[in-house]
Amino acid sequence: MESLSALNRICQKPNYKKTGNWMVRTFLRDAALPCTWLLLHTPITANQVTLAALIAGLCGAFCLTLEGSANFLWASLLLQLWYYLDHVDGQIARYRKTAGLSGRFFDFFMHHMIHAASVLALGVYFSRELSLGDRGLFAAFGAAYCISLFNMLHDIKSKAFVEHLLSFKSIRIRSAESPNQHGSDGANSTRSKPHFFSVIHKLCEIHVMMNILTVLALIEFIFSPGTNGRILAFILYAPAILLLTLAKTVQFILKKKSEEEFEALFECNADRS
């Protein structure tokens, strides 16, 4: 087995210190390498690590629904474990040369599952603690639906791109990176001064939400057991998610941002097939 430094060159993405969010660029990808090294001594596959990450994330979401500061802390730690393992599976796949579309599909599926489950769990806790009944559950499912829809906007756009690309005989890629790239790996997003919606967008990214919940859980567990950081989180996140989803949908449809991005990414032969 190679040393960690040699393993780093094999397992990491190209330009891994320049792409992705601050958390993964700064330390998480490097921190995942010792776990990757350990698992490479076993027959465990990349997809099995993805499955383990999914289970950890779903358990974390379940713990979010449980009463008590200790359960809140467990929830945040399990979500941190999910995000950590999410960077181990790809390293294993790159080392063993098993990376492929099915693995990426599973990885994307997992991201959607954990993001929606975390928001739903916060809403369920919020509803139960305030005895809101059906109204609270409607808010919980509504927020989870909106974050799922928001995350699907990128996938819907990609589907539209693929359908459009298949109508051309020849295609040249102008750039490998979207000019409006955002999301959990959104280090290449616009560098201009942040505005209101970009701040909300950043706060709603799963790694940011996860870290905010972890800080709230630690404060609650250490300094003020019995308080309800999860209620505060849902009160802030539910309207923010709704506003963000509406704004992004309007941007895609009315401002024709998809067309601008497509033109920046591809040069297509006008001679249709």
Protein backbone atom coordinates (compact mmCIF):
# COMPACT_ATOMS: atom_id res chain seq x y z
CA MET A 1 0.00 0.00 0.00
CA GLU A 2 1.28 3.47 -0.91
CA SER A 3 2.15 6.10 1.65
CA LEU A 4 -0.44 8.76 2.44
CA SER A 5 1.37 11.30 0.26
CA ALA A 6 1.41 8.90 -2.71
CA LEU A 7 -2.18 7.91 -2.00
CA ASN A 8 -3.13 11.57 -2.02
CA ARG A 9 -2.01 11.93 -5.63
CA ILE A 10 -4.04 8.88 -6.69
CA CYS A 11 -7.23 9.40 -4.71
CA GLN A 12 -7.87 13.13 -4.82
CA LYS A 13 -9.72 14.94 -7.57
CA PRO A 14 -7.69 17.15 -9.92
CA ASN A 15 -7.31 20.63 -8.42
CA TYR A 16 -8.95 19.35 -5.25
CA LYS A 17 -7.63 22.34 -3.31
CA LYS A 18 -9.33 24.77 -5.71
CA THR A 19 -12.76 23.25 -6.33
CA GLY A 20 -15.59 22.70 -3.90
CA ASN A 21 -16.70 24.57 -0.83
CA TRP A 22 -14.30 25.99 1.76
CA MET A 23 -14.79 23.11 4.17
CA VAL A 24 -13.83 20.37 1.72
CA ARG A 25 -11.02 22.39 0.11
CA THR A 26 -9.41 23.32 3.39
CA PHE A 27 -9.38 20.10 5.37
CA LEU A 28 -12.13 17.52 4.76
CA ARG A 29 -10.69 15.88 1.64
CA ASP A 30 -7.29 15.60 3.34
CA ALA A 31 -8.93 14.37 6.56
CA ALA A 32 -10.76 11.65 4.63
CA LEU A 33 -7.52 10.14 3.34
CA PRO A 34 -6.53 8.17 6.51
CA CYS A 35 -9.97 6.50 6.53
CA THR A 36 -9.57 5.74 2.83
CA TRP A 37 -6.15 4.22 3.49
CA LEU A 38 -7.59 2.03 6.23
CA LEU A 39 -10.57 0.83 4.16
CA LEU A 40 -8.34 0.05 1.17
CA HIS A 41 -6.90 -2.76 3.31
CA THR A 42 -10.37 -4.34 3.28
CA PRO A 43 -12.69 -5.56 0.48
CA ILE A 44 -15.14 -2.72 1.24
CA THR A 45 -16.27 -1.02 -1.96
CA ALA A 46 -16.98 2.63 -2.70
CA ASN A 47 -20.72 1.91 -2.99
CA GLN A 48 -20.69 0.22 0.41
CA VAL A 49 -19.13 3.34 1.92
CA THR A 50 -21.82 5.42 0.21
CA LEU A 51 -24.44 3.14 1.75
CA ALA A 52 -22.82 3.51 5.18
CA ALA A 53 -22.84 7.27 4.74
CA LEU A 54 -26.53 7.18 3.78
CA ILE A 55 -27.38 5.13 6.88
CA ALA A 56 -25.39 7.50 9.12
CA GLY A 57 -27.17 10.52 7.61
CA LEU A 58 -30.63 8.99 7.98
CA CYS A 59 -29.87 8.03 11.59
CA GLY A 60 -28.76 11.62 12.16
CA ALA A 61 -32.01 12.91 10.70
CA PHE A 62 -33.97 10.52 12.92
CA CYS A 63 -32.11 11.75 16.01
CA LEU A 64 -33.14 15.29 15.07
CA THR A 65 -36.73 14.29 15.79
CA LEU A 66 -35.93 13.04 19.31
CA GLU A 67 -36.19 15.14 22.44
CA GLY A 68 -33.16 16.06 24.52
CA SER A 69 -29.88 17.89 24.04
CA ALA A 70 -27.93 14.62 23.85
CA ASN A 71 -30.02 13.42 20.88
CA PHE A 72 -29.52 16.76 19.17
CA LEU A 73 -25.77 16.38 19.60
CA TRP A 74 -25.88 12.80 18.33
CA ALA A 75 -27.84 14.00 15.30
CA SER A 76 -25.25 16.62 14.44
CA LEU A 77 -22.35 14.19 14.91
CA LEU A 78 -24.00 11.58 12.69
CA LEU A 79 -24.56 14.20 9.98
CA GLN A 80 -20.88 15.14 10.26
CA LEU A 81 -20.00 11.46 9.86
CA TRP A 82 -22.23 11.26 6.81
CA TYR A 83 -20.45 14.20 5.20
CA TYR A 84 -17.04 12.75 6.09
CA LEU A 85 -17.82 9.36 4.56
CA ASP A 86 -19.21 11.14 1.51
CA HIS A 87 -15.61 12.11 0.73
CA VAL A 88 -14.17 8.67 1.41
CA ASP A 89 -16.25 6.77 -1.15
CA GLY A 90 -14.97 8.80 -4.10
CA GLN A 91 -11.36 8.37 -3.02
CA ILE A 92 -11.81 4.61 -2.86
CA ALA A 93 -13.46 4.59 -6.29
CA ARG A 94 -10.63 6.61 -7.83
CA TYR A 95 -7.95 4.36 -6.30
CA ARG A 96 -9.63 1.14 -7.43
CA LYS A 97 -10.64 2.63 -10.78
CA THR A 98 -14.28 1.76 -10.14
CA ALA A 99 -15.63 5.28 -10.54
CA GLY A 100 -18.59 5.34 -12.90
CA LEU A 101 -22.03 6.70 -13.60
CA SER A 102 -23.81 4.28 -11.25
CA GLY A 103 -21.62 5.40 -8.36
CA ARG A 104 -22.27 9.06 -9.11
CA PHE A 105 -26.00 8.33 -9.38
CA PHE A 106 -25.96 6.69 -5.94
CA ASP A 107 -23.96 9.60 -4.53
CA PHE A 108 -26.38 12.22 -5.89
CA PHE A 109 -29.33 10.15 -4.66
CA MET A 110 -27.81 10.11 -1.18
CA HIS A 111 -27.35 13.90 -1.15
CA HIS A 112 -31.00 14.47 -2.02
CA MET A 113 -32.13 11.97 0.61
CA ILE A 114 -30.13 13.45 3.48
CA HIS A 115 -30.91 17.08 2.71
CA ALA A 116 -34.66 16.45 2.54
CA ALA A 117 -34.63 14.10 5.55
CA SER A 118 -32.78 16.65 7.69
CA VAL A 119 -35.24 19.43 6.90
CA LEU A 120 -38.22 17.11 7.40
CA ALA A 121 -36.83 15.97 10.76
CA LEU A 122 -36.39 19.56 11.95
CA GLY A 123 -39.99 20.25 10.93
CA VAL A 124 -41.33 17.17 12.70
CA TYR A 125 -39.52 18.17 15.90
CA PHE A 126 -40.78 21.75 15.55
CA SER A 127 -44.37 20.54 15.08
CA ARG A 128 -44.31 18.14 18.00
CA GLU A 129 -42.62 20.48 20.48
CA LEU A 130 -45.08 23.30 19.76
CA SER A 131 -48.07 20.92 19.55
CA LEU A 132 -49.03 22.25 16.13
CA GLY A 133 -50.62 19.04 14.89
CA ASP A 134 -51.46 18.85 11.20
CA ARG A 135 -50.41 22.46 10.56
CA GLY A 136 -46.92 21.76 11.85
CA LEU A 137 -46.59 18.57 9.83
CA PHE A 138 -47.74 20.42 6.72
CA ALA A 139 -44.98 22.98 7.33
CA ALA A 140 -42.46 20.16 7.85
CA PHE A 141 -43.37 18.33 4.64
CA GLY A 142 -43.63 21.65 2.77
CA ALA A 143 -40.10 22.68 3.75
CA ALA A 144 -38.72 19.24 2.85
CA TYR A 145 -40.53 19.35 -0.50
CA CYS A 146 -39.14 22.82 -1.24
CA ILE A 147 -35.53 21.86 -0.46
CA SER A 148 -35.95 18.75 -2.64
CA LEU A 149 -37.35 20.89 -5.44
CA PHE A 150 -34.55 23.41 -5.06
CA ASN A 151 -31.91 20.67 -5.24
CA MET A 152 -33.66 19.16 -8.27
CA LEU A 153 -33.50 22.44 -10.20
CA HIS A 154 -29.89 21.74 -11.15
CA ASP A 155 -30.81 18.19 -12.20
CA ILE A 156 -33.78 19.44 -14.23
CA LYS A 157 -31.52 21.95 -15.95
CA SER A 158 -29.00 19.18 -16.71
CA LYS A 159 -31.77 17.03 -18.21
CA ALA A 160 -32.81 19.95 -20.42
CA PHE A 161 -29.17 20.41 -21.46
CA VAL A 162 -28.76 16.73 -22.39
CA GLU A 163 -32.00 16.70 -24.39
CA HIS A 164 -30.90 19.84 -26.25
CA LEU A 165 -27.38 18.50 -26.89
CA LEU A 166 -28.75 15.31 -28.43
CA SER A 167 -30.44 17.37 -31.12
CA PHE A 168 -27.07 18.49 -32.56
CA LYS A 169 -24.66 16.56 -34.77
CA SER A 170 -21.50 18.06 -33.31
CA ILE A 171 -20.71 19.71 -30.00
CA ARG A 172 -17.64 21.48 -28.67
CA ILE A 173 -17.22 22.16 -24.97
CA ARG A 174 -16.25 25.78 -24.36
CA SER A 175 -15.75 25.34 -20.60
CA ALA A 176 -15.86 22.39 -18.22
CA GLU A 177 -17.26 24.56 -15.44
CA SER A 178 -20.62 26.25 -15.23
CA PRO A 179 -20.40 30.05 -14.92
CA ASN A 180 -23.21 29.89 -12.36
CA GLN A 181 -22.03 26.82 -10.49
CA HIS A 182 -23.42 26.62 -6.96
CA GLY A 183 -24.36 24.00 -4.42
CA SER A 184 -22.35 21.86 -2.09
CA ASP A 185 -19.35 22.07 -4.35
CA GLY A 186 -19.92 25.67 -5.23
CA ALA A 187 -16.46 27.11 -4.86
CA ASN A 188 -16.59 28.25 -8.47
CA SER A 189 -19.68 30.35 -7.95
CA THR A 190 -19.61 34.00 -8.71
CA ARG A 191 -16.95 36.03 -6.85
CA SER A 192 -18.94 39.22 -6.87
CA LYS A 193 -20.14 40.81 -3.66
CA PRO A 194 -22.76 38.53 -2.06
CA HIS A 195 -26.35 39.73 -2.27
CA PHE A 196 -29.37 38.73 -0.24
CA PHE A 197 -30.28 35.60 -2.20
CA SER A 198 -26.71 34.34 -2.46
CA VAL A 199 -26.40 34.56 1.34
CA ILE A 200 -29.63 32.56 1.76
CA HIS A 201 -28.37 30.11 -0.85
CA LYS A 202 -25.15 29.59 1.07
CA LEU A 203 -26.99 29.11 4.38
CA CYS A 204 -29.22 26.46 2.81
CA GLU A 205 -26.36 24.36 1.44
CA ILE A 206 -26.28 21.08 3.32
CA HIS A 207 -22.76 21.42 4.73
CA VAL A 208 -23.54 24.90 6.06
CA MET A 209 -26.86 23.76 7.54
CA MET A 210 -25.12 20.77 9.09
CA ASN A 211 -22.44 22.96 10.68
CA ILE A 212 -25.00 25.43 12.01
CA LEU A 213 -26.90 22.54 13.61
CA THR A 214 -23.65 21.24 15.11
CA VAL A 215 -22.84 24.62 16.68
CA LEU A 216 -26.38 24.90 18.06
CA ALA A 217 -26.21 21.34 19.41
CA LEU A 218 -22.89 21.97 21.16
CA ILE A 219 -24.11 25.22 22.71
CA GLU A 220 -27.31 23.57 23.86
CA PHE A 221 -25.59 20.45 25.25
CA ILE A 222 -22.76 22.28 27.07
CA PHE A 223 -24.30 25.55 28.20
CA SER A 224 -28.08 25.35 28.21
CA PRO A 225 -29.63 21.86 28.14
CA GLY A 226 -33.35 21.99 27.61
CA THR A 227 -33.34 24.87 25.15
CA ASN A 228 -34.56 24.30 21.61
CA GLY A 229 -32.03 25.21 18.96
CA ARG A 230 -33.87 23.01 16.50
CA ILE A 231 -37.02 25.12 16.78
CA LEU A 232 -35.00 28.25 16.04
CA ALA A 233 -33.30 26.51 13.10
CA PHE A 234 -36.61 25.48 11.53
CA ILE A 235 -38.18 28.92 12.06
CA LEU A 236 -35.26 30.45 10.17
CA TYR A 237 -34.86 27.76 7.52
CA ALA A 238 -38.47 27.06 6.49
CA PRO A 239 -39.20 30.53 5.01
CA ALA A 240 -35.65 30.86 3.67
CA ILE A 241 -35.98 27.59 1.73
CA LEU A 242 -39.35 28.62 0.29
CA LEU A 243 -38.04 32.04 -0.75
CA LEU A 244 -34.88 30.59 -2.27
CA THR A 245 -36.76 27.95 -4.27
CA LEU A 246 -39.21 30.48 -5.70
CA ALA A 247 -36.44 32.94 -6.57
CA LYS A 248 -34.28 30.33 -8.27
CA THR A 249 -37.19 28.92 -10.27
CA VAL A 250 -38.13 32.41 -11.49
CA GLN A 251 -34.50 33.04 -12.41
CA PHE A 252 -34.29 29.89 -14.50
CA ILE A 253 -37.59 30.44 -16.33
CA LEU A 254 -38.09 34.19 -16.72
CA LYS A 255 -34.50 35.43 -16.85
CA LYS A 256 -33.39 32.62 -19.17
CA LYS A 257 -30.30 31.82 -17.10
CA SER A 258 -30.28 28.29 -18.49
CA GLU A 259 -29.81 29.61 -22.03
CA GLU A 260 -26.94 31.85 -20.91
CA GLU A 261 -25.23 28.98 -19.15
CA PHE A 262 -25.70 26.60 -22.07
CA GLU A 263 -24.11 29.09 -24.47
CA ALA A 264 -21.18 29.56 -22.10
CA LEU A 265 -20.61 25.83 -21.80
CA PHE A 266 -21.20 24.50 -25.33
CA GLU A 267 -20.70 25.42 -28.96
CA CYS A 268 -23.09 23.39 -31.10
CA ASN A 269 -23.30 22.82 -34.81
CA ALA A 270 -26.48 24.46 -36.09
CA ASP A 271 -26.97 21.59 -38.53
CA ARG A 272 -29.45 19.55 -36.49
CA SER A 273 -29.53 15.77 -36.75
